Amino acid sequence: MKNLQELVAEVANFVAKYPEKPIFSLRPTLAAYQGQDWQQYIAFEDTHYTRQVVCQCPAFEILVLGWQVGQGSPFHNHAGQGCLLRVMQGVLHETRWQWGKTHLNCYTSNAISYIDDQMGVHQIENRGPQPAVSLHIYAPGFFCAQKSSSPEAILLNPGISTKTV
């Protein structure tokens, strides 16, 4: 795939054809994206990571996130969504938590990760030496997540969510 327009079309076709299938199955599609047009969505803020919308509809969302060095998300769930993440530039660290089990992952450029609520909650951070950029696909769309500094609080109160878009 050469550009984001083709990626959006592939994702739209997949979710229309397989509305109940997890977007984990789109991993090869995300890996096949070789465009550079994601760079037009790069934005950085000094105080927090940024979220730039590429495509947003009820079935799915595609976002580009910009992470300055030292920035990170709070622990959060995905409120019934699947989330595919591909690091486009830099290095991102993930702390994944599920009932007392902590998994630490480090993702470099082109690495792809997937998470949904059955897999736990997570936190993403840029601990690297340079800014990082990631491309995210969420399905279904209109991401609502519960966020907290405590992963236990999220898992103990799964009905609480806050709009993040």
N, C-alpha and C. Protein backbone atom coordinates (compact mmCIF):
# COMPACT_ATOMS: atom_id res chain seq x y z
N MET A 1 0.83 -1.18 0.00
CA MET A 1 0.00 0.00 0.00
C MET A 1 0.87 1.24 0.00
N LYS A 2 0.54 2.17 -0.86
CA LYS A 2 1.39 3.34 -1.04
C LYS A 2 0.99 4.54 -0.21
N ASN A 3 -0.30 4.61 0.21
CA ASN A 3 -0.71 5.82 0.92
C ASN A 3 -1.84 5.53 1.91
N LEU A 4 -2.12 6.54 2.73
CA LEU A 4 -3.16 6.39 3.76
C LEU A 4 -4.54 6.19 3.15
N GLN A 5 -4.79 6.79 1.99
CA GLN A 5 -6.07 6.61 1.34
C GLN A 5 -6.32 5.12 1.04
N GLU A 6 -5.29 4.42 0.59
CA GLU A 6 -5.43 2.99 0.33
C GLU A 6 -5.60 2.21 1.64
N LEU A 7 -4.89 2.62 2.69
CA LEU A 7 -5.05 1.97 4.00
C LEU A 7 -6.47 2.16 4.51
N VAL A 8 -6.99 3.37 4.43
CA VAL A 8 -8.37 3.64 4.86
C VAL A 8 -9.34 2.75 4.09
N ALA A 9 -9.16 2.63 2.79
CA ALA A 9 -10.04 1.80 1.97
C ALA A 9 -9.97 0.33 2.38
N GLU A 10 -8.77 -0.16 2.65
CA GLU A 10 -8.60 -1.57 3.08
C GLU A 10 -9.29 -1.81 4.43
N VAL A 11 -9.11 -0.89 5.37
CA VAL A 11 -9.74 -1.03 6.68
C VAL A 11 -11.26 -0.97 6.53
N ALA A 12 -11.75 -0.03 5.75
CA ALA A 12 -13.20 0.10 5.54
C ALA A 12 -13.78 -1.18 4.93
N ASN A 13 -13.11 -1.74 3.95
CA ASN A 13 -13.57 -2.99 3.34
C ASN A 13 -13.60 -4.12 4.35
N PHE A 14 -12.56 -4.21 5.18
CA PHE A 14 -12.48 -5.28 6.19
C PHE A 14 -13.61 -5.17 7.20
N VAL A 15 -13.81 -3.99 7.78
CA VAL A 15 -14.83 -3.86 8.82
C VAL A 15 -16.24 -3.99 8.26
N ALA A 16 -16.43 -3.64 6.98
CA ALA A 16 -17.74 -3.84 6.35
C ALA A 16 -18.01 -5.32 6.10
N LYS A 17 -16.99 -6.04 5.67
CA LYS A 17 -17.14 -7.46 5.34
C LYS A 17 -17.16 -8.34 6.58
N TYR A 18 -16.37 -7.95 7.61
CA TYR A 18 -16.24 -8.77 8.82
C TYR A 18 -16.49 -7.91 10.07
N PRO A 19 -17.70 -7.42 10.29
CA PRO A 19 -17.93 -6.49 11.40
C PRO A 19 -17.68 -7.08 12.79
N GLU A 20 -17.75 -8.38 12.92
CA GLU A 20 -17.54 -9.01 14.23
C GLU A 20 -16.12 -9.52 14.43
N LYS A 21 -15.31 -9.49 13.40
CA LYS A 21 -13.95 -10.02 13.48
C LYS A 21 -13.02 -8.98 14.10
N PRO A 22 -12.14 -9.39 15.02
CA PRO A 22 -11.22 -8.43 15.64
C PRO A 22 -10.27 -7.83 14.60
N ILE A 23 -9.91 -6.57 14.80
CA ILE A 23 -9.03 -5.93 13.84
C ILE A 23 -7.59 -6.44 13.93
N PHE A 24 -7.32 -7.33 14.87
CA PHE A 24 -6.01 -7.99 14.90
C PHE A 24 -5.70 -8.57 13.52
N SER A 25 -6.74 -9.01 12.83
CA SER A 25 -6.57 -9.60 11.50
C SER A 25 -6.04 -8.59 10.47
N LEU A 26 -6.09 -7.31 10.78
CA LEU A 26 -5.57 -6.28 9.89
C LEU A 26 -4.07 -6.03 10.05
N ARG A 27 -3.45 -6.79 10.91
CA ARG A 27 -2.01 -6.62 11.15
C ARG A 27 -1.19 -6.66 9.85
N PRO A 28 -1.42 -7.66 8.97
CA PRO A 28 -0.66 -7.67 7.70
C PRO A 28 -0.96 -6.45 6.82
N THR A 29 -2.19 -5.96 6.89
CA THR A 29 -2.56 -4.77 6.11
C THR A 29 -1.78 -3.56 6.61
N LEU A 30 -1.71 -3.39 7.91
CA LEU A 30 -0.96 -2.27 8.48
C LEU A 30 0.53 -2.42 8.17
N ALA A 31 1.04 -3.63 8.21
CA ALA A 31 2.45 -3.86 7.89
C ALA A 31 2.74 -3.55 6.42
N ALA A 32 1.77 -3.75 5.55
CA ALA A 32 1.97 -3.53 4.11
C ALA A 32 1.97 -2.05 3.74
N TYR A 33 1.49 -1.20 4.63
CA TYR A 33 1.46 0.24 4.34
C TYR A 33 2.90 0.76 4.30
N GLN A 34 3.30 1.30 3.16
CA GLN A 34 4.67 1.79 2.98
C GLN A 34 4.73 3.29 2.67
N GLY A 35 3.62 3.98 2.78
CA GLY A 35 3.57 5.39 2.44
C GLY A 35 4.32 6.27 3.43
N GLN A 36 4.54 7.48 3.00
CA GLN A 36 5.15 8.51 3.85
C GLN A 36 4.17 9.63 4.18
N ASP A 37 2.93 9.51 3.68
CA ASP A 37 1.96 10.58 3.87
C ASP A 37 1.51 10.74 5.31
N TRP A 38 1.82 9.79 6.19
CA TRP A 38 1.53 9.94 7.62
C TRP A 38 2.26 11.15 8.19
N GLN A 39 3.36 11.53 7.55
CA GLN A 39 4.17 12.64 8.06
C GLN A 39 3.41 13.96 8.06
N GLN A 40 2.40 14.11 7.20
CA GLN A 40 1.63 15.34 7.19
C GLN A 40 0.77 15.50 8.44
N TYR A 41 0.61 14.42 9.21
CA TYR A 41 -0.21 14.44 10.42
C TYR A 41 0.64 14.59 11.69
N ILE A 42 1.94 14.67 11.55
CA ILE A 42 2.79 14.79 12.74
C ILE A 42 2.55 16.14 13.41
N ALA A 43 2.31 16.06 14.70
CA ALA A 43 2.20 17.27 15.53
C ALA A 43 2.77 16.93 16.90
N PHE A 44 3.45 17.86 17.49
CA PHE A 44 4.00 17.67 18.83
C PHE A 44 3.60 18.84 19.71
N GLU A 45 3.36 18.56 20.97
CA GLU A 45 3.10 19.57 21.99
C GLU A 45 4.11 19.36 23.09
N ASP A 46 4.47 20.43 23.78
CA ASP A 46 5.44 20.32 24.86
C ASP A 46 4.88 19.62 26.09
N THR A 47 3.55 19.71 26.30
CA THR A 47 2.98 19.25 27.56
C THR A 47 2.33 17.87 27.51
N HIS A 48 2.00 17.37 26.31
CA HIS A 48 1.31 16.09 26.21
C HIS A 48 1.43 15.52 24.80
N TYR A 49 1.21 14.22 24.68
CA TYR A 49 1.23 13.63 23.34
C TYR A 49 0.02 14.12 22.56
N THR A 50 0.11 14.04 21.23
CA THR A 50 -0.97 14.55 20.38
C THR A 50 -1.65 13.41 19.62
N ARG A 51 -2.89 13.67 19.22
CA ARG A 51 -3.69 12.72 18.44
C ARG A 51 -4.26 13.47 17.24
N GLN A 52 -3.85 13.07 16.04
CA GLN A 52 -4.33 13.69 14.82
C GLN A 52 -5.19 12.69 14.05
N VAL A 53 -6.39 13.08 13.70
CA VAL A 53 -7.33 12.19 13.03
C VAL A 53 -7.02 12.10 11.54
N VAL A 54 -6.82 10.88 11.06
CA VAL A 54 -6.68 10.60 9.63
C VAL A 54 -8.06 10.28 9.07
N CYS A 55 -8.80 9.41 9.77
CA CYS A 55 -10.15 9.02 9.36
C CYS A 55 -10.94 8.66 10.61
N GLN A 56 -12.19 9.11 10.69
CA GLN A 56 -13.01 8.80 11.85
C GLN A 56 -14.43 8.55 11.38
N CYS A 57 -14.93 7.36 11.71
CA CYS A 57 -16.31 7.01 11.38
C CYS A 57 -16.79 6.01 12.45
N PRO A 58 -18.05 5.68 12.50
CA PRO A 58 -18.53 4.76 13.54
C PRO A 58 -17.85 3.38 13.51
N ALA A 59 -17.43 2.92 12.35
CA ALA A 59 -16.85 1.57 12.25
C ALA A 59 -15.39 1.50 12.67
N PHE A 60 -14.62 2.58 12.44
CA PHE A 60 -13.20 2.56 12.78
C PHE A 60 -12.64 3.98 12.80
N GLU A 61 -11.45 4.09 13.36
CA GLU A 61 -10.70 5.34 13.37
C GLU A 61 -9.25 5.04 13.03
N ILE A 62 -8.61 5.96 12.36
CA ILE A 62 -7.17 5.89 12.14
C ILE A 62 -6.59 7.21 12.61
N LEU A 63 -5.62 7.14 13.49
CA LEU A 63 -5.01 8.33 14.09
C LEU A 63 -3.49 8.25 13.99
N VAL A 64 -2.85 9.41 13.95
CA VAL A 64 -1.40 9.52 14.08
C VAL A 64 -1.13 10.22 15.40
N LEU A 65 -0.31 9.59 16.25
CA LEU A 65 0.01 10.16 17.55
C LEU A 65 1.46 10.61 17.57
N GLY A 66 1.70 11.80 18.13
CA GLY A 66 3.05 12.34 18.27
C GLY A 66 3.46 12.35 19.73
N TRP A 67 4.65 11.84 20.00
CA TRP A 67 5.15 11.67 21.36
C TRP A 67 6.51 12.35 21.50
N GLN A 68 6.59 13.43 22.25
CA GLN A 68 7.89 14.01 22.58
C GLN A 68 8.60 13.08 23.58
N VAL A 69 9.89 13.23 23.70
CA VAL A 69 10.66 12.45 24.67
C VAL A 69 10.08 12.68 26.06
N GLY A 70 9.83 11.61 26.78
CA GLY A 70 9.31 11.68 28.14
C GLY A 70 7.79 11.70 28.23
N GLN A 71 7.10 11.83 27.13
CA GLN A 71 5.64 11.86 27.17
C GLN A 71 5.07 10.44 27.17
N GLY A 72 3.88 10.31 27.76
CA GLY A 72 3.23 9.01 27.78
C GLY A 72 1.75 9.15 28.08
N SER A 73 1.04 8.08 27.83
CA SER A 73 -0.38 8.03 28.15
C SER A 73 -0.54 7.55 29.58
N PRO A 74 -1.67 7.84 30.21
CA PRO A 74 -1.97 7.16 31.47
C PRO A 74 -2.34 5.71 31.15
N PHE A 75 -2.44 4.87 32.17
CA PHE A 75 -2.99 3.54 31.94
C PHE A 75 -4.41 3.74 31.41
N HIS A 76 -4.79 2.95 30.41
CA HIS A 76 -6.13 3.07 29.85
C HIS A 76 -6.58 1.74 29.25
N ASN A 77 -7.90 1.61 29.19
CA ASN A 77 -8.49 0.46 28.51
C ASN A 77 -8.84 0.90 27.10
N HIS A 78 -9.57 0.06 26.38
CA HIS A 78 -9.99 0.42 25.03
C HIS A 78 -11.50 0.30 24.85
N ALA A 79 -12.22 0.26 25.95
CA ALA A 79 -13.68 0.39 25.98
C ALA A 79 -14.37 -0.37 24.85
N GLY A 80 -14.04 -1.64 24.73
CA GLY A 80 -14.69 -2.49 23.73
C GLY A 80 -14.09 -2.42 22.34
N GLN A 81 -13.01 -1.71 22.20
CA GLN A 81 -12.34 -1.60 20.91
C GLN A 81 -11.12 -2.50 20.84
N GLY A 82 -10.73 -2.80 19.61
CA GLY A 82 -9.41 -3.33 19.36
C GLY A 82 -8.53 -2.16 18.93
N CYS A 83 -7.25 -2.25 19.23
CA CYS A 83 -6.31 -1.20 18.87
C CYS A 83 -5.07 -1.81 18.25
N LEU A 84 -4.80 -1.47 17.01
CA LEU A 84 -3.54 -1.80 16.35
C LEU A 84 -2.67 -0.56 16.37
N LEU A 85 -1.42 -0.73 16.74
CA LEU A 85 -0.48 0.39 16.84
C LEU A 85 0.76 0.02 16.03
N ARG A 86 1.21 0.93 15.19
CA ARG A 86 2.47 0.74 14.46
C ARG A 86 3.36 1.94 14.73
N VAL A 87 4.57 1.67 15.16
CA VAL A 87 5.54 2.75 15.38
C VAL A 87 6.09 3.16 14.02
N MET A 88 5.93 4.42 13.70
CA MET A 88 6.39 4.93 12.41
C MET A 88 7.77 5.58 12.52
N GLN A 89 8.07 6.09 13.71
CA GLN A 89 9.34 6.78 13.93
C GLN A 89 9.66 6.70 15.42
N GLY A 90 10.91 6.44 15.75
CA GLY A 90 11.33 6.43 17.14
C GLY A 90 11.08 5.11 17.83
N VAL A 91 11.00 5.17 19.16
CA VAL A 91 10.84 3.99 20.01
C VAL A 91 9.76 4.28 21.04
N LEU A 92 8.84 3.34 21.22
CA LEU A 92 7.81 3.47 22.25
C LEU A 92 7.87 2.27 23.18
N HIS A 93 7.59 2.53 24.45
CA HIS A 93 7.55 1.47 25.47
C HIS A 93 6.11 1.30 25.94
N GLU A 94 5.73 0.05 26.10
CA GLU A 94 4.39 -0.27 26.59
C GLU A 94 4.51 -1.02 27.90
N THR A 95 3.71 -0.61 28.88
CA THR A 95 3.51 -1.37 30.11
C THR A 95 2.10 -1.91 30.04
N ARG A 96 1.98 -3.21 29.91
CA ARG A 96 0.67 -3.87 29.81
C ARG A 96 0.40 -4.55 31.13
N TRP A 97 -0.81 -4.37 31.66
CA TRP A 97 -1.14 -4.87 32.99
C TRP A 97 -2.46 -5.63 32.94
N GLN A 98 -2.47 -6.82 33.55
CA GLN A 98 -3.71 -7.57 33.69
C GLN A 98 -3.66 -8.34 35.00
N TRP A 99 -4.43 -7.86 35.96
CA TRP A 99 -4.58 -8.49 37.28
C TRP A 99 -3.26 -8.99 37.88
N GLY A 100 -2.37 -8.04 38.11
CA GLY A 100 -1.13 -8.34 38.82
C GLY A 100 0.01 -8.79 37.93
N LYS A 101 -0.25 -9.06 36.68
CA LYS A 101 0.81 -9.45 35.75
C LYS A 101 1.18 -8.25 34.91
N THR A 102 2.45 -7.89 34.95
CA THR A 102 2.94 -6.76 34.18
C THR A 102 3.85 -7.27 33.07
N HIS A 103 3.63 -6.78 31.87
CA HIS A 103 4.47 -7.11 30.72
C HIS A 103 5.02 -5.81 30.17
N LEU A 104 6.33 -5.75 29.97
CA LEU A 104 6.97 -4.58 29.41
C LEU A 104 7.39 -4.89 27.98
N ASN A 105 7.05 -4.02 27.06
CA ASN A 105 7.39 -4.21 25.65
C ASN A 105 8.05 -2.95 25.12
N CYS A 106 9.00 -3.14 24.23
CA CYS A 106 9.67 -2.03 23.57
C CYS A 106 9.45 -2.19 22.07
N TYR A 107 8.93 -1.15 21.43
CA TYR A 107 8.61 -1.19 20.01
C TYR A 107 9.45 -0.16 19.26
N THR A 108 10.18 -0.61 18.26
CA THR A 108 10.98 0.27 17.41
C THR A 108 10.23 0.51 16.10
N SER A 109 10.80 1.31 15.22
CA SER A 109 10.14 1.64 13.95
C SER A 109 9.66 0.40 13.21
N ASN A 110 8.42 0.48 12.76
CA ASN A 110 7.71 -0.55 12.00
C ASN A 110 7.17 -1.70 12.85
N ALA A 111 7.44 -1.70 14.14
CA ALA A 111 6.86 -2.72 15.02
C ALA A 111 5.36 -2.48 15.13
N ILE A 112 4.60 -3.58 15.23
CA ILE A 112 3.15 -3.51 15.34
C ILE A 112 2.70 -4.24 16.60
N SER A 113 1.78 -3.63 17.32
CA SER A 113 1.22 -4.21 18.53
C SER A 113 -0.30 -4.18 18.46
N TYR A 114 -0.93 -5.08 19.20
CA TYR A 114 -2.39 -5.11 19.28
C TYR A 114 -2.80 -5.28 20.74
N ILE A 115 -3.90 -4.62 21.10
CA ILE A 115 -4.48 -4.81 22.43
C ILE A 115 -6.00 -4.61 22.34
N ASP A 116 -6.70 -5.33 23.20
CA ASP A 116 -8.12 -5.09 23.43
C ASP A 116 -8.37 -5.33 24.92
N ASP A 117 -9.58 -5.08 25.38
CA ASP A 117 -9.85 -5.14 26.82
C ASP A 117 -9.65 -6.53 27.42
N GLN A 118 -9.79 -7.57 26.63
CA GLN A 118 -9.57 -8.92 27.16
C GLN A 118 -8.10 -9.17 27.48
N MET A 119 -7.24 -8.35 26.90
CA MET A 119 -5.79 -8.50 27.10
C MET A 119 -5.28 -7.64 28.25
N GLY A 120 -6.13 -6.78 28.82
CA GLY A 120 -5.72 -5.93 29.92
C GLY A 120 -5.76 -4.46 29.55
N VAL A 121 -5.06 -3.67 30.33
CA VAL A 121 -4.93 -2.23 30.10
C VAL A 121 -3.46 -1.95 29.84
N HIS A 122 -3.19 -0.77 29.28
CA HIS A 122 -1.79 -0.47 29.03
C HIS A 122 -1.51 1.02 29.11
N GLN A 123 -0.22 1.29 29.10
CA GLN A 123 0.31 2.64 29.11
C GLN A 123 1.40 2.68 28.04
N ILE A 124 1.43 3.72 27.23
CA ILE A 124 2.45 3.89 26.20
C ILE A 124 3.31 5.10 26.58
N GLU A 125 4.63 4.96 26.44
CA GLU A 125 5.55 6.04 26.79
C GLU A 125 6.68 6.13 25.78
N ASN A 126 7.15 7.35 25.58
CA ASN A 126 8.36 7.56 24.80
C ASN A 126 9.51 7.77 25.77
N ARG A 127 10.25 6.72 26.00
CA ARG A 127 11.44 6.79 26.86
C ARG A 127 12.71 6.91 26.04
N GLY A 128 12.54 7.01 24.72
CA GLY A 128 13.69 7.05 23.81
C GLY A 128 14.36 8.40 23.77
N PRO A 129 15.40 8.50 22.96
CA PRO A 129 16.18 9.74 22.87
C PRO A 129 15.64 10.75 21.87
N GLN A 130 14.58 10.40 21.12
CA GLN A 130 14.04 11.30 20.10
C GLN A 130 12.53 11.22 20.07
N PRO A 131 11.87 12.20 19.47
CA PRO A 131 10.40 12.13 19.34
C PRO A 131 9.99 10.85 18.59
N ALA A 132 8.79 10.38 18.91
CA ALA A 132 8.25 9.18 18.27
C ALA A 132 6.89 9.49 17.66
N VAL A 133 6.54 8.71 16.65
CA VAL A 133 5.24 8.84 15.99
C VAL A 133 4.67 7.45 15.82
N SER A 134 3.37 7.31 16.11
CA SER A 134 2.71 6.01 15.93
C SER A 134 1.42 6.19 15.16
N LEU A 135 1.06 5.16 14.41
CA LEU A 135 -0.17 5.12 13.63
C LEU A 135 -1.08 4.09 14.29
N HIS A 136 -2.32 4.49 14.60
CA HIS A 136 -3.25 3.63 15.34
C HIS A 136 -4.50 3.39 14.52
N ILE A 137 -4.99 2.15 14.58
CA ILE A 137 -6.29 1.80 14.02
C ILE A 137 -7.14 1.29 15.17
N TYR A 138 -8.31 1.89 15.36
CA TYR A 138 -9.25 1.48 16.40
C TYR A 138 -10.54 1.02 15.73
N ALA A 139 -11.11 -0.06 16.22
CA ALA A 139 -12.44 -0.48 15.73
C ALA A 139 -13.19 -1.12 16.89
N PRO A 140 -14.46 -0.76 17.07
CA PRO A 140 -15.18 0.26 16.33
C PRO A 140 -14.63 1.66 16.60
N GLY A 141 -15.20 2.66 15.92
CA GLY A 141 -14.71 4.03 16.02
C GLY A 141 -15.21 4.74 17.25
N PHE A 142 -14.87 6.02 17.34
CA PHE A 142 -15.25 6.91 18.43
C PHE A 142 -14.78 6.39 19.78
N PHE A 143 -13.48 6.41 19.91
CA PHE A 143 -12.75 5.87 21.05
C PHE A 143 -13.14 6.53 22.37
N CYS A 144 -13.61 5.75 23.30
CA CYS A 144 -13.86 6.19 24.68
C CYS A 144 -13.05 5.26 25.58
N ALA A 145 -12.27 5.82 26.45
CA ALA A 145 -11.44 5.00 27.32
C ALA A 145 -11.53 5.47 28.74
N GLN A 146 -11.34 4.55 29.65
CA GLN A 146 -11.18 4.90 31.05
C GLN A 146 -9.69 5.05 31.29
N LYS A 147 -9.28 6.17 31.90
CA LYS A 147 -7.87 6.44 32.13
C LYS A 147 -7.62 6.60 33.62
N SER A 148 -6.44 6.16 34.06
CA SER A 148 -6.08 6.28 35.46
C SER A 148 -4.58 6.05 35.62
N SER A 149 -4.02 6.55 36.71
CA SER A 149 -2.64 6.22 37.03
C SER A 149 -2.56 4.83 37.63
N SER A 150 -3.71 4.25 37.97
CA SER A 150 -3.77 2.92 38.59
C SER A 150 -4.47 1.93 37.65
N PRO A 151 -3.76 0.91 37.15
CA PRO A 151 -4.44 -0.06 36.28
C PRO A 151 -5.53 -0.83 37.01
N GLU A 152 -5.36 -1.03 38.32
CA GLU A 152 -6.38 -1.75 39.09
C GLU A 152 -7.71 -1.00 39.08
N ALA A 153 -7.66 0.33 39.17
CA ALA A 153 -8.89 1.13 39.20
C ALA A 153 -9.69 0.94 37.92
N ILE A 154 -9.03 0.80 36.81
CA ILE A 154 -9.72 0.62 35.54
C ILE A 154 -10.40 -0.74 35.49
N LEU A 155 -9.69 -1.78 35.89
CA LEU A 155 -10.25 -3.12 35.83
C LEU A 155 -11.34 -3.34 36.87
N LEU A 156 -11.28 -2.62 37.99
CA LEU A 156 -12.31 -2.76 39.02
C LEU A 156 -13.58 -1.97 38.68
N ASN A 157 -13.47 -0.97 37.81
CA ASN A 157 -14.61 -0.13 37.44
C ASN A 157 -14.73 -0.02 35.92
N PRO A 158 -14.95 -1.13 35.23
CA PRO A 158 -14.91 -1.10 33.76
C PRO A 158 -16.02 -0.31 33.11
N GLY A 159 -17.07 0.03 33.81
CA GLY A 159 -18.19 0.76 33.20
C GLY A 159 -17.94 2.24 33.05
N ILE A 160 -16.91 2.77 33.68
CA ILE A 160 -16.64 4.20 33.64
C ILE A 160 -15.75 4.48 32.43
N SER A 161 -16.13 5.45 31.63
CA SER A 161 -15.29 5.82 30.50
C SER A 161 -15.34 7.33 30.30
N THR A 162 -14.32 7.85 29.64
CA THR A 162 -14.28 9.26 29.33
C THR A 162 -13.98 9.43 27.85
N LYS A 163 -14.61 10.39 27.22
CA LYS A 163 -14.39 10.65 25.81
C LYS A 163 -13.01 11.23 25.63
N THR A 164 -12.23 10.67 24.70
CA THR A 164 -10.87 11.17 24.49
C THR A 164 -10.67 11.79 23.13
N VAL A 165 -11.67 11.78 22.27
CA VAL A 165 -11.51 12.40 20.95
C VAL A 165 -12.30 13.68 20.93
